[in-house]
Amino acid sequence: MDEPISRSQASKRLKERFLQALQRDDAEEVHNILHTANIDIDTVFEVEDKSMTLASYKQGYWLPGYKLESSWAMGLHVCVMYNSLASAMVLLEKGAAVNRKPNGKTPLHVACEVSNCDFVTLLLNHGARVNSVSLSGHTPLHYCITKESVDCAKQLILKGAQVNKQSDNNDEDTPLHTAARFGLPQHIALYISHGASVNAMNARSETPLIMTAFWALSLREQVYSPDHHLVCRMLVDYGAAVDLQEEDYKTALHKAAWNCDCAIMQILLEAGADTRIMDINGCAPIQYVLKVAQVRPTGEPEVCYQLLLNHGAARIYPPQFHKVLYGCHQCPRAVEILINTYEHIKATKKWRMAIPECTYQQHRAFYDSVFAVCSNTPRTLLHLARCAIRAHMSNRCHRGIKTLPIPCSMERYLLLEPEGIIY
């Protein structure tokens, strides 16, 4: 004879049965439980949530790791997580609450984060609040963070989602900031077509363009994102101001220079970005290329230098040129470009000390030419003529030199194209 079970055990088993039915989308079982058992339709479960899809926490709060591996969720949240559409329809027909957030997010927030357009449609049709704010301060539109979620975003906007609404937290990002951070071209076009401000600033005075320039590089993989490059182009075409500065006075060009991202730098420079703006540290973009040249293995510092100098960047202060060799000794092309911006520059003892012996031997022909030219002897007349033309054109070198009636080889020479040797 089976032992009798307590009321609490029976309630626990019923709750587990209900959860399992929701997870496997057994709509018939869900319907039977709601009709025959005494269970709250909005009962809260504790479910596994290692990716924190269900959870939203306030900034500044701390929880131990084991607490972050599970979340509280109602039946609708579970249905969204497991794509149990039929079971969700049963819950909604029976009056399930659509806007509650037991762990900080409504079911609509979760549906947007997992890019489930069917659930977004279902929830909106049953009264989900389109501008509801999660515990961390984000609206459903802020959770549209994948390429696949653009259709979700369209539905939200058609239902009245505010495209310029800032997150209610320390960041104060708009949906356009979020799309820029994650490199979502279709979202950018959608938001701007519905009135998003292209120059909106968040709490750190960052514009979407500044965020795009910063997040275009994956630091872990050291890979540049073509989607972010496209977003940068789109924002510029939509009229983004390229020289706006964030709280540390950095422009989008500073961010791109820090990433050694020549693709974004070229877009910004062609749009008129000022190469001489200094940030709170007194650094122009060219100084940031110098700082990171050694730690950006997939970057092209020589191209970055060439772009900046052809658009009017100030040259490195000659007594500090040994710092160029410390940072760029493995990239002779970058050293060559920088040296060729001076009519004459004299080598010091610090130069040779800045070049490791193994690097010197690897590029001996080039560095021997450097030390030979950067001595007491004058540069060639050809080089001096180049410097004179470049000085006359100043920050118009990139455009002006291309208009001169000269051979292509001479055009490349004037634009500092490296040749592998100094003479």
Foldseek 3Di string as FASTA:
>chain_A
DDDDDDPVVVVVVLVVQLLVCLLVLVQVSNLCCVVPHPDDQFDKDKAFDLVCLQADAAPPDDDDNVVNRIDIDGSLLSCLVNVNVSNNVSSLVVPHDQADRRRFHGSLLSNLLVLPQVVLVVSVVSPHDQQDATNHQHGSLLNNQDLSNLSSNVVSVVVPHDQAAFGPHQWRDGSLLSCLLSLHQSNNVVSVVVPHDQCDQTNQGDGSLLNLLQNQADLVVLDGHPSSLVVNLVSVVVPYDQLGATNQNDTSLLNNLLSLPLSSNLSSVVSPYDQCRAGNVRDGSLVNNLVCVQPRVPHDSLSVVLSSQLQFHDADDQVCCLSSCLRQLLPLSNVQLRCLLDQAGADDPSNVVSHDPVSCVVLVQAVVLVNVRRHPDGADPLSVVLNVVCVVCRSNLVPVLVPDPDDPVSNCVSSSRDDSHGD
